[in-house]
Amino acid sequence: MNAPLRKPWTQEEFFSWAERQEGHFEFDGLRPVAMTGGTGGHSMIGGNLFFALRSRLNGSSCLHLGSDAGVETINNAVRYPDAVVTCTKFDPNVRKIPGIVVVFEVLSPSSGATDRVVKVREYAAVSSIRRYVILEATAVGLLVLERSSLEQAWQTTALSNGDILRMPEIGIEIPVAEIYEGIEFADQDNQDS
């Protein structure tokens, strides 16, 4: 028995549908994809990151936004990273934020493969994005993908406790330890060795 083919959704159909839903969804360019709830640690990492960005970007021409800021990627997909930074002015009523320069995703067990593979390709296709930071949620660690232009391939760096996340494209630096402040991981003793 063949399953019937479904017509792909448009972005407008997705936005209209999503605003009536209880949960949070991304749009993969064809249909809605449910975003799972995170853990307490995921939320703490996101909160620390948000505070670090806010305190450093205050008074600058760049603005940090949270997980309700839509990023349009390839094939009309719309992603909702944990945080983004844009240096472009925009109408507060837009659903897709223009001119995003930095994207942050905090990993969860269900999103790891998507964040590490699918979104790497999608964010690479967005001309304004210069840095994609993937934050581990079960240990102290960042995977930083950066480039100076759309034509350049991502350059990847792994950062851990004691390192500094440098973001010259937005003029700030954040110690990795600050992002993980107040969070104790079960195997933390093994990480410090």
N, C-alpha and C. Protein backbone atom coordinates (compact mmCIF):
# COMPACT_ATOMS: atom_id res chain seq x y z
N MET A 1 0.84 -1.17 0.00
CA MET A 1 0.00 0.00 0.00
C MET A 1 0.89 1.24 0.00
N ASN A 2 0.66 2.12 -0.88
CA ASN A 2 1.43 3.35 -0.99
C ASN A 2 0.82 4.43 -0.12
N ALA A 3 1.69 5.16 0.55
CA ALA A 3 1.23 6.31 1.35
C ALA A 3 1.00 7.49 0.41
N PRO A 4 -0.05 8.27 0.64
CA PRO A 4 -0.29 9.42 -0.22
C PRO A 4 0.80 10.47 -0.04
N LEU A 5 1.19 11.10 -1.12
CA LEU A 5 2.19 12.17 -1.06
C LEU A 5 1.53 13.44 -0.55
N ARG A 6 2.19 14.09 0.38
CA ARG A 6 1.66 15.34 0.90
C ARG A 6 2.36 16.51 0.23
N LYS A 7 1.58 17.51 -0.06
CA LYS A 7 2.12 18.72 -0.66
C LYS A 7 2.94 19.45 0.41
N PRO A 8 4.16 19.90 0.08
CA PRO A 8 4.96 20.66 1.06
C PRO A 8 4.25 21.93 1.47
N TRP A 9 4.45 22.31 2.72
CA TRP A 9 3.88 23.54 3.24
C TRP A 9 4.68 24.73 2.73
N THR A 10 4.04 25.88 2.70
CA THR A 10 4.75 27.13 2.47
C THR A 10 5.12 27.71 3.83
N GLN A 11 6.02 28.69 3.84
CA GLN A 11 6.36 29.36 5.10
C GLN A 11 5.13 29.99 5.72
N GLU A 12 4.30 30.64 4.92
CA GLU A 12 3.11 31.30 5.46
C GLU A 12 2.15 30.30 6.08
N GLU A 13 1.98 29.13 5.44
CA GLU A 13 1.14 28.09 6.05
C GLU A 13 1.72 27.65 7.39
N PHE A 14 3.04 27.49 7.42
CA PHE A 14 3.70 27.11 8.67
C PHE A 14 3.48 28.17 9.74
N PHE A 15 3.76 29.44 9.44
CA PHE A 15 3.62 30.50 10.45
C PHE A 15 2.18 30.58 10.96
N SER A 16 1.21 30.49 10.06
CA SER A 16 -0.19 30.55 10.44
C SER A 16 -0.54 29.39 11.38
N TRP A 17 -0.08 28.21 11.04
CA TRP A 17 -0.35 27.03 11.86
C TRP A 17 0.38 27.11 13.20
N ALA A 18 1.66 27.48 13.18
CA ALA A 18 2.51 27.47 14.38
C ALA A 18 2.01 28.43 15.46
N GLU A 19 1.46 29.56 15.06
CA GLU A 19 1.01 30.51 16.09
C GLU A 19 -0.22 30.02 16.85
N ARG A 20 -0.86 28.98 16.37
CA ARG A 20 -2.02 28.40 17.06
C ARG A 20 -1.65 27.17 17.90
N GLN A 21 -0.37 26.81 17.91
CA GLN A 21 0.07 25.60 18.60
C GLN A 21 0.58 25.90 20.01
N GLU A 22 0.49 24.93 20.88
CA GLU A 22 1.01 25.04 22.24
C GLU A 22 2.52 24.90 22.26
N GLY A 23 3.06 23.96 21.50
CA GLY A 23 4.50 23.69 21.49
C GLY A 23 5.26 24.65 20.59
N HIS A 24 6.55 24.38 20.48
CA HIS A 24 7.44 25.19 19.66
C HIS A 24 7.91 24.34 18.48
N PHE A 25 7.87 24.88 17.29
CA PHE A 25 8.19 24.14 16.08
C PHE A 25 9.16 24.90 15.20
N GLU A 26 9.98 24.16 14.45
CA GLU A 26 10.78 24.72 13.36
C GLU A 26 10.12 24.28 12.07
N PHE A 27 10.56 24.87 10.96
CA PHE A 27 10.04 24.51 9.64
C PHE A 27 11.22 24.05 8.81
N ASP A 28 11.20 22.79 8.37
CA ASP A 28 12.33 22.24 7.62
C ASP A 28 12.27 22.52 6.12
N GLY A 29 11.34 23.36 5.72
CA GLY A 29 11.17 23.68 4.31
C GLY A 29 10.05 22.90 3.66
N LEU A 30 9.58 21.85 4.37
CA LEU A 30 8.49 21.01 3.86
C LEU A 30 7.33 20.92 4.83
N ARG A 31 7.67 20.80 6.14
CA ARG A 31 6.64 20.60 7.15
C ARG A 31 7.18 21.02 8.52
N PRO A 32 6.29 21.15 9.52
CA PRO A 32 6.73 21.50 10.87
C PRO A 32 7.53 20.37 11.51
N VAL A 33 8.48 20.75 12.35
CA VAL A 33 9.27 19.79 13.11
C VAL A 33 9.20 20.24 14.57
N ALA A 34 8.69 19.36 15.44
CA ALA A 34 8.55 19.70 16.85
C ALA A 34 9.93 19.88 17.49
N MET A 35 10.05 20.90 18.31
CA MET A 35 11.27 21.13 19.08
C MET A 35 11.01 20.58 20.47
N THR A 36 11.87 19.69 20.90
CA THR A 36 11.66 19.07 22.20
C THR A 36 12.07 20.00 23.32
N GLY A 37 11.53 19.74 24.48
CA GLY A 37 11.92 20.51 25.65
C GLY A 37 13.33 20.16 26.07
N GLY A 38 14.02 21.11 26.63
CA GLY A 38 15.39 20.87 27.07
C GLY A 38 15.44 20.47 28.53
N THR A 39 16.63 20.36 29.05
CA THR A 39 16.85 20.03 30.45
C THR A 39 17.11 21.30 31.24
N GLY A 40 17.20 21.15 32.56
CA GLY A 40 17.55 22.29 33.40
C GLY A 40 18.92 22.84 33.03
N GLY A 41 19.86 21.94 32.76
CA GLY A 41 21.21 22.37 32.36
C GLY A 41 21.18 23.15 31.05
N HIS A 42 20.39 22.67 30.10
CA HIS A 42 20.24 23.36 28.81
C HIS A 42 19.74 24.78 29.05
N SER A 43 18.75 24.93 29.92
CA SER A 43 18.20 26.24 30.22
C SER A 43 19.21 27.13 30.93
N MET A 44 20.00 26.55 31.85
CA MET A 44 21.01 27.33 32.56
C MET A 44 22.09 27.83 31.60
N ILE A 45 22.52 26.97 30.69
CA ILE A 45 23.53 27.36 29.71
C ILE A 45 22.98 28.49 28.84
N GLY A 46 21.75 28.33 28.37
CA GLY A 46 21.12 29.38 27.57
C GLY A 46 20.99 30.69 28.32
N GLY A 47 20.62 30.62 29.60
CA GLY A 47 20.51 31.83 30.42
C GLY A 47 21.84 32.52 30.62
N ASN A 48 22.88 31.73 30.92
CA ASN A 48 24.22 32.30 31.07
C ASN A 48 24.70 32.96 29.78
N LEU A 49 24.45 32.29 28.66
CA LEU A 49 24.84 32.83 27.36
C LEU A 49 24.10 34.13 27.09
N PHE A 50 22.80 34.13 27.33
CA PHE A 50 21.99 35.31 27.07
C PHE A 50 22.49 36.50 27.90
N PHE A 51 22.78 36.26 29.19
CA PHE A 51 23.28 37.33 30.06
C PHE A 51 24.64 37.83 29.58
N ALA A 52 25.53 36.91 29.19
CA ALA A 52 26.86 37.30 28.71
C ALA A 52 26.76 38.15 27.44
N LEU A 53 25.87 37.76 26.52
CA LEU A 53 25.69 38.54 25.30
C LEU A 53 25.09 39.91 25.61
N ARG A 54 24.08 39.91 26.46
CA ARG A 54 23.40 41.17 26.78
C ARG A 54 24.37 42.17 27.41
N SER A 55 25.14 41.72 28.38
CA SER A 55 26.03 42.65 29.08
C SER A 55 27.13 43.18 28.16
N ARG A 56 27.55 42.38 27.19
CA ARG A 56 28.63 42.82 26.30
C ARG A 56 28.13 43.62 25.09
N LEU A 57 26.93 43.33 24.64
CA LEU A 57 26.41 44.03 23.46
C LEU A 57 25.62 45.29 23.80
N ASN A 58 25.33 45.49 25.08
CA ASN A 58 24.58 46.67 25.50
C ASN A 58 25.28 47.94 25.01
N GLY A 59 24.56 48.78 24.29
CA GLY A 59 25.12 50.02 23.76
C GLY A 59 25.79 49.88 22.41
N SER A 60 25.87 48.66 21.88
CA SER A 60 26.47 48.48 20.56
C SER A 60 25.39 48.52 19.49
N SER A 61 25.79 48.42 18.25
CA SER A 61 24.81 48.40 17.15
C SER A 61 24.27 46.99 16.90
N CYS A 62 24.76 46.01 17.66
CA CYS A 62 24.30 44.63 17.51
C CYS A 62 23.32 44.27 18.62
N LEU A 63 22.44 43.34 18.33
CA LEU A 63 21.39 42.93 19.24
C LEU A 63 21.37 41.42 19.35
N HIS A 64 21.23 40.91 20.56
CA HIS A 64 21.09 39.47 20.76
C HIS A 64 19.61 39.15 20.93
N LEU A 65 19.21 38.01 20.40
CA LEU A 65 17.82 37.56 20.48
C LEU A 65 17.80 36.11 20.90
N GLY A 66 16.68 35.67 21.49
CA GLY A 66 16.54 34.31 21.98
C GLY A 66 15.89 33.37 20.99
N SER A 67 15.34 32.30 21.52
CA SER A 67 14.87 31.19 20.70
C SER A 67 13.57 31.44 19.94
N ASP A 68 13.02 32.63 20.02
CA ASP A 68 11.85 32.97 19.20
C ASP A 68 12.24 33.70 17.93
N ALA A 69 13.55 33.91 17.73
CA ALA A 69 14.05 34.62 16.55
C ALA A 69 14.25 33.62 15.41
N GLY A 70 13.47 33.76 14.35
CA GLY A 70 13.55 32.85 13.22
C GLY A 70 14.70 33.18 12.28
N VAL A 71 15.37 32.13 11.82
CA VAL A 71 16.47 32.24 10.85
C VAL A 71 16.05 31.49 9.60
N GLU A 72 15.92 32.19 8.49
CA GLU A 72 15.59 31.51 7.23
C GLU A 72 16.87 30.93 6.64
N THR A 73 16.81 29.63 6.31
CA THR A 73 17.98 28.96 5.74
C THR A 73 17.64 28.46 4.34
N ILE A 74 18.18 27.34 3.93
CA ILE A 74 17.96 26.84 2.57
C ILE A 74 16.57 26.24 2.41
N ASN A 75 16.08 26.27 1.20
CA ASN A 75 14.76 25.71 0.85
C ASN A 75 13.64 26.25 1.72
N ASN A 76 13.74 27.53 2.10
CA ASN A 76 12.73 28.22 2.90
C ASN A 76 12.56 27.68 4.31
N ALA A 77 13.51 26.86 4.78
CA ALA A 77 13.44 26.37 6.15
C ALA A 77 13.56 27.55 7.11
N VAL A 78 12.94 27.43 8.28
CA VAL A 78 13.03 28.45 9.33
C VAL A 78 13.44 27.75 10.61
N ARG A 79 14.60 28.12 11.12
CA ARG A 79 15.14 27.52 12.34
C ARG A 79 15.05 28.52 13.49
N TYR A 80 14.99 27.99 14.70
CA TYR A 80 14.91 28.81 15.90
C TYR A 80 16.05 28.41 16.84
N PRO A 81 17.24 28.96 16.62
CA PRO A 81 18.37 28.62 17.48
C PRO A 81 18.15 29.13 18.90
N ASP A 82 19.00 28.71 19.82
CA ASP A 82 18.87 29.17 21.21
C ASP A 82 19.17 30.65 21.34
N ALA A 83 20.06 31.17 20.51
CA ALA A 83 20.36 32.60 20.52
C ALA A 83 20.96 32.98 19.17
N VAL A 84 20.77 34.24 18.79
CA VAL A 84 21.38 34.80 17.58
C VAL A 84 21.81 36.23 17.88
N VAL A 85 22.72 36.72 17.05
CA VAL A 85 23.11 38.13 17.10
C VAL A 85 22.97 38.69 15.70
N THR A 86 22.30 39.83 15.60
CA THR A 86 22.20 40.56 14.35
C THR A 86 22.68 41.99 14.59
N CYS A 87 23.23 42.58 13.55
CA CYS A 87 23.67 43.98 13.62
C CYS A 87 22.87 44.80 12.61
N THR A 88 21.73 44.27 12.19
CA THR A 88 20.85 44.89 11.21
C THR A 88 19.56 45.33 11.89
N LYS A 89 19.15 46.57 11.64
CA LYS A 89 17.88 47.04 12.19
C LYS A 89 16.74 46.32 11.47
N PHE A 90 15.66 46.05 12.21
CA PHE A 90 14.53 45.34 11.61
C PHE A 90 13.23 45.73 12.32
N ASP A 91 12.14 45.49 11.64
CA ASP A 91 10.80 45.72 12.20
C ASP A 91 10.56 44.64 13.25
N PRO A 92 10.16 45.01 14.48
CA PRO A 92 9.95 44.01 15.52
C PRO A 92 8.85 42.99 15.21
N ASN A 93 8.04 43.23 14.20
CA ASN A 93 6.97 42.31 13.85
C ASN A 93 7.37 41.24 12.85
N VAL A 94 8.62 41.27 12.36
CA VAL A 94 9.04 40.26 11.38
C VAL A 94 9.18 38.90 12.06
N ARG A 95 8.97 37.86 11.28
CA ARG A 95 9.09 36.50 11.79
C ARG A 95 10.48 35.92 11.53
N LYS A 96 11.18 36.47 10.54
CA LYS A 96 12.53 36.01 10.20
C LYS A 96 13.47 37.20 10.39
N ILE A 97 14.49 37.02 11.20
CA ILE A 97 15.40 38.10 11.55
C ILE A 97 16.45 38.26 10.44
N PRO A 98 16.62 39.47 9.93
CA PRO A 98 17.61 39.69 8.87
C PRO A 98 19.02 39.91 9.43
N GLY A 99 20.00 39.65 8.60
CA GLY A 99 21.38 40.01 8.91
C GLY A 99 22.00 39.30 10.10
N ILE A 100 21.59 38.08 10.37
CA ILE A 100 22.16 37.36 11.51
C ILE A 100 23.63 37.08 11.26
N VAL A 101 24.45 37.40 12.27
CA VAL A 101 25.90 37.26 12.16
C VAL A 101 26.41 36.05 12.94
N VAL A 102 25.84 35.80 14.12
CA VAL A 102 26.26 34.69 14.96
C VAL A 102 25.03 33.89 15.39
N VAL A 103 25.16 32.56 15.35
CA VAL A 103 24.10 31.64 15.75
C VAL A 103 24.63 30.73 16.85
N PHE A 104 23.80 30.49 17.88
CA PHE A 104 24.16 29.61 18.98
C PHE A 104 23.12 28.51 19.11
N GLU A 105 23.56 27.27 19.19
CA GLU A 105 22.67 26.13 19.44
C GLU A 105 23.22 25.36 20.63
N VAL A 106 22.38 25.16 21.66
CA VAL A 106 22.74 24.31 22.79
C VAL A 106 22.21 22.92 22.44
N LEU A 107 23.09 21.93 22.46
CA LEU A 107 22.70 20.58 22.07
C LEU A 107 21.78 19.93 23.08
N SER A 108 20.91 19.09 22.57
CA SER A 108 20.12 18.21 23.41
C SER A 108 20.24 16.82 22.77
N PRO A 109 19.95 15.75 23.52
CA PRO A 109 20.11 14.41 22.95
C PRO A 109 19.33 14.22 21.65
N SER A 110 18.16 14.82 21.54
CA SER A 110 17.35 14.62 20.34
C SER A 110 17.74 15.53 19.18
N SER A 111 18.47 16.63 19.46
CA SER A 111 18.79 17.57 18.38
C SER A 111 20.24 17.50 17.92
N GLY A 112 21.08 16.69 18.57
CA GLY A 112 22.50 16.68 18.27
C GLY A 112 22.85 16.46 16.82
N ALA A 113 22.27 15.44 16.20
CA ALA A 113 22.58 15.14 14.80
C ALA A 113 22.14 16.28 13.89
N THR A 114 20.96 16.82 14.14
CA THR A 114 20.47 17.93 13.32
C THR A 114 21.37 19.14 13.47
N ASP A 115 21.73 19.50 14.72
CA ASP A 115 22.57 20.68 14.96
C ASP A 115 23.97 20.52 14.39
N ARG A 116 24.52 19.31 14.44
CA ARG A 116 25.90 19.07 14.01
C ARG A 116 26.04 18.80 12.51
N VAL A 117 24.97 18.40 11.85
CA VAL A 117 25.07 18.05 10.44
C VAL A 117 24.15 18.93 9.59
N VAL A 118 22.86 18.79 9.78
CA VAL A 118 21.89 19.50 8.93
C VAL A 118 22.05 21.01 9.06
N LYS A 119 22.07 21.51 10.29
CA LYS A 119 22.13 22.96 10.48
C LYS A 119 23.49 23.55 10.10
N VAL A 120 24.55 22.77 10.17
CA VAL A 120 25.85 23.26 9.70
C VAL A 120 25.74 23.64 8.23
N ARG A 121 25.11 22.80 7.45
CA ARG A 121 24.93 23.08 6.02
C ARG A 121 23.95 24.24 5.80
N GLU A 122 22.86 24.23 6.56
CA GLU A 122 21.86 25.28 6.39
C GLU A 122 22.42 26.65 6.75
N TYR A 123 23.09 26.76 7.89
CA TYR A 123 23.64 28.06 8.30
C TYR A 123 24.77 28.50 7.37
N ALA A 124 25.49 27.54 6.79
CA ALA A 124 26.55 27.89 5.83
C ALA A 124 25.97 28.58 4.59
N ALA A 125 24.71 28.30 4.27
CA ALA A 125 24.08 28.88 3.08
C ALA A 125 23.57 30.30 3.32
N VAL A 126 23.58 30.77 4.57
CA VAL A 126 23.10 32.12 4.89
C VAL A 126 24.30 33.07 4.82
N SER A 127 24.26 33.99 3.88
CA SER A 127 25.43 34.81 3.59
C SER A 127 25.90 35.67 4.75
N SER A 128 25.01 36.10 5.62
CA SER A 128 25.40 37.00 6.71
C SER A 128 26.04 36.27 7.89
N ILE A 129 25.80 34.97 8.03
CA ILE A 129 26.30 34.24 9.21
C ILE A 129 27.80 34.02 9.10
N ARG A 130 28.52 34.53 10.11
CA ARG A 130 29.98 34.41 10.15
C ARG A 130 30.45 33.39 11.17
N ARG A 131 29.57 33.07 12.14
CA ARG A 131 29.97 32.17 13.22
C ARG A 131 28.76 31.36 13.68
N TYR A 132 29.00 30.05 13.84
CA TYR A 132 27.99 29.13 14.36
C TYR A 132 28.63 28.43 15.55
N VAL A 133 28.04 28.62 16.74
CA VAL A 133 28.59 28.08 17.97
C VAL A 133 27.65 26.99 18.49
N ILE A 134 28.18 25.78 18.59
CA ILE A 134 27.43 24.64 19.12
C ILE A 134 27.91 24.40 20.54
N LEU A 135 27.00 24.49 21.50
CA LEU A 135 27.33 24.36 22.91
C LEU A 135 26.90 22.99 23.43
N GLU A 136 27.82 22.28 24.03
CA GLU A 136 27.50 20.99 24.66
C GLU A 136 26.62 21.25 25.88
N ALA A 137 25.70 20.33 26.16
CA ALA A 137 24.81 20.48 27.31
C ALA A 137 25.11 19.48 28.42
N THR A 138 26.01 18.53 28.16
CA THR A 138 26.33 17.52 29.16
C THR A 138 27.77 17.61 29.64
N ALA A 139 28.51 18.58 29.14
CA ALA A 139 29.90 18.80 29.52
C ALA A 139 30.28 20.21 29.08
N VAL A 140 31.37 20.73 29.62
CA VAL A 140 31.84 22.06 29.21
C VAL A 140 32.52 21.90 27.86
N GLY A 141 31.98 22.54 26.84
CA GLY A 141 32.60 22.44 25.53
C GLY A 141 31.81 23.15 24.45
N LEU A 142 32.54 23.82 23.57
CA LEU A 142 31.95 24.51 22.42
C LEU A 142 32.63 24.02 21.15
N LEU A 143 31.86 23.90 20.11
CA LEU A 143 32.41 23.69 18.77
C LEU A 143 32.09 24.96 18.01
N VAL A 144 33.12 25.67 17.58
CA VAL A 144 32.94 26.97 16.94
C VAL A 144 33.29 26.85 15.46
N LEU A 145 32.31 27.17 14.61
CA LEU A 145 32.52 27.19 13.16
C LEU A 145 32.51 28.64 12.74
N GLU A 146 33.54 29.07 12.03
CA GLU A 146 33.64 30.47 11.63
C GLU A 146 34.14 30.60 10.21
N ARG A 147 33.83 31.75 9.61
CA ARG A 147 34.29 32.07 8.25
C ARG A 147 34.23 33.57 8.07
N SER A 148 34.97 34.06 7.10
CA SER A 148 34.97 35.50 6.86
C SER A 148 34.07 35.88 5.69
N SER A 149 33.67 34.89 4.88
CA SER A 149 32.78 35.18 3.75
C SER A 149 31.98 33.92 3.39
N LEU A 150 30.94 34.10 2.60
CA LEU A 150 30.09 32.99 2.18
C LEU A 150 30.89 31.96 1.38
N GLU A 151 31.85 32.41 0.61
CA GLU A 151 32.63 31.51 -0.24
C GLU A 151 33.60 30.66 0.56
N GLN A 152 33.93 31.08 1.76
CA GLN A 152 34.91 30.36 2.58
C GLN A 152 34.23 29.20 3.31
N ALA A 153 34.93 28.07 3.38
CA ALA A 153 34.44 26.93 4.16
C ALA A 153 34.58 27.24 5.64
N TRP A 154 33.72 26.60 6.46
CA TRP A 154 33.81 26.78 7.90
C TRP A 154 35.20 26.35 8.39
N GLN A 155 35.77 27.14 9.29
CA GLN A 155 36.97 26.77 10.03
C GLN A 155 36.48 26.38 11.41
N THR A 156 36.89 25.22 11.91
CA THR A 156 36.34 24.70 13.16
C THR A 156 37.37 24.70 14.28
N THR A 157 36.92 25.13 15.46
CA THR A 157 37.74 25.14 16.66
C THR A 157 36.93 24.58 17.81
N ALA A 158 37.55 23.74 18.63
CA ALA A 158 36.91 23.23 19.84
C ALA A 158 37.44 24.02 21.03
N LEU A 159 36.52 24.48 21.88
CA LEU A 159 36.89 25.24 23.07
C LEU A 159 36.39 24.51 24.31
N SER A 160 37.11 24.66 25.41
CA SER A 160 36.72 24.05 26.67
C SER A 160 36.97 25.04 27.81
N ASN A 161 36.82 24.55 29.03
CA ASN A 161 37.03 25.37 30.21
C ASN A 161 38.41 26.02 30.13
N GLY A 162 38.52 27.29 30.45
CA GLY A 162 39.78 28.01 30.37
C GLY A 162 40.00 28.73 29.04
N ASP A 163 39.21 28.38 28.02
CA ASP A 163 39.32 29.04 26.72
C ASP A 163 38.40 30.25 26.66
N ILE A 164 38.59 31.07 25.64
CA ILE A 164 37.76 32.27 25.44
C ILE A 164 37.11 32.18 24.06
N LEU A 165 35.81 32.39 24.02
CA LEU A 165 35.07 32.48 22.76
C LEU A 165 35.24 33.89 22.23
N ARG A 166 36.04 34.02 21.18
CA ARG A 166 36.30 35.33 20.57
C ARG A 166 35.38 35.50 19.36
N MET A 167 34.69 36.65 19.31
CA MET A 167 33.77 36.93 18.21
C MET A 167 34.06 38.33 17.68
N PRO A 168 35.13 38.49 16.89
CA PRO A 168 35.50 39.83 16.40
C PRO A 168 34.45 40.45 15.49
N GLU A 169 33.61 39.62 14.84
CA GLU A 169 32.58 40.16 13.95
C GLU A 169 31.52 40.96 14.70
N ILE A 170 31.41 40.74 16.02
CA ILE A 170 30.49 41.54 16.84
C ILE A 170 31.24 42.26 17.97
N GLY A 171 32.56 42.14 17.98
CA GLY A 171 33.40 42.91 18.90
C GLY A 171 33.36 42.48 20.35
N ILE A 172 33.12 41.19 20.63
CA ILE A 172 33.10 40.76 22.03
C ILE A 172 33.85 39.44 22.22
N GLU A 173 34.16 39.15 23.49
CA GLU A 173 34.76 37.89 23.89
C GLU A 173 34.05 37.41 25.15
N ILE A 174 33.87 36.09 25.27
CA ILE A 174 33.22 35.50 26.45
C ILE A 174 34.06 34.31 26.91
N PRO A 175 34.50 34.30 28.16
CA PRO A 175 35.16 33.09 28.67
C PRO A 175 34.19 31.91 28.66
N VAL A 176 34.64 30.76 28.20
CA VAL A 176 33.78 29.58 28.15
C VAL A 176 33.25 29.25 29.55
N ALA A 177 34.08 29.41 30.56
CA ALA A 177 33.66 29.10 31.93
C ALA A 177 32.45 29.93 32.35
N GLU A 178 32.33 31.14 31.84
CA GLU A 178 31.19 32.00 32.19
C GLU A 178 29.88 31.43 31.64
N ILE A 179 29.93 30.80 30.49
CA ILE A 179 28.74 30.22 29.87
C ILE A 179 28.24 29.03 30.70
N TYR A 180 29.17 28.33 31.36
CA TYR A 180 28.83 27.14 32.14
C TYR A 180 28.83 27.40 33.65
N GLU A 181 28.88 28.66 34.04
CA GLU A 181 28.92 29.02 35.46
C GLU A 181 27.71 28.46 36.21
N GLY A 182 27.99 27.85 37.37
CA GLY A 182 26.92 27.34 38.22
C GLY A 182 26.37 25.99 37.81
N ILE A 183 26.95 25.37 36.80
CA ILE A 183 26.46 24.07 36.31
C ILE A 183 27.50 23.01 36.66
N GLU A 184 27.04 21.97 37.35
CA GLU A 184 27.92 20.86 37.69
C GLU A 184 27.46 19.64 36.91
N PHE A 185 28.39 19.04 36.20
CA PHE A 185 28.08 17.84 35.42
C PHE A 185 28.47 16.61 36.23
N ALA A 186 27.76 15.51 36.02
CA ALA A 186 27.97 14.28 36.79
C ALA A 186 29.41 13.80 36.73
N ASP A 187 30.05 13.89 35.58
CA ASP A 187 31.43 13.42 35.44
C ASP A 187 32.42 14.59 35.36
N GLN A 188 32.13 15.67 36.07
CA GLN A 188 32.95 16.87 36.02
C GLN A 188 34.38 16.59 36.46
N ASP A 189 34.58 15.71 37.45
CA ASP A 189 35.93 15.40 37.91
C ASP A 189 36.78 14.84 36.79
N ASN A 190 36.20 14.02 35.90
CA ASN A 190 36.94 13.45 34.77
C ASN A 190 37.28 14.51 33.72
N GLN A 191 36.43 15.54 33.60
CA GLN A 191 36.67 16.58 32.59
C GLN A 191 37.83 17.48 33.00
N ASP A 192 37.99 17.69 34.29
CA ASP A 192 39.04 18.61 34.74
C ASP A 192 40.42 18.00 34.66
N SER A 193 40.54 16.70 34.45
CA SER A 193 41.84 16.03 34.42
C SER A 193 42.57 16.32 33.14
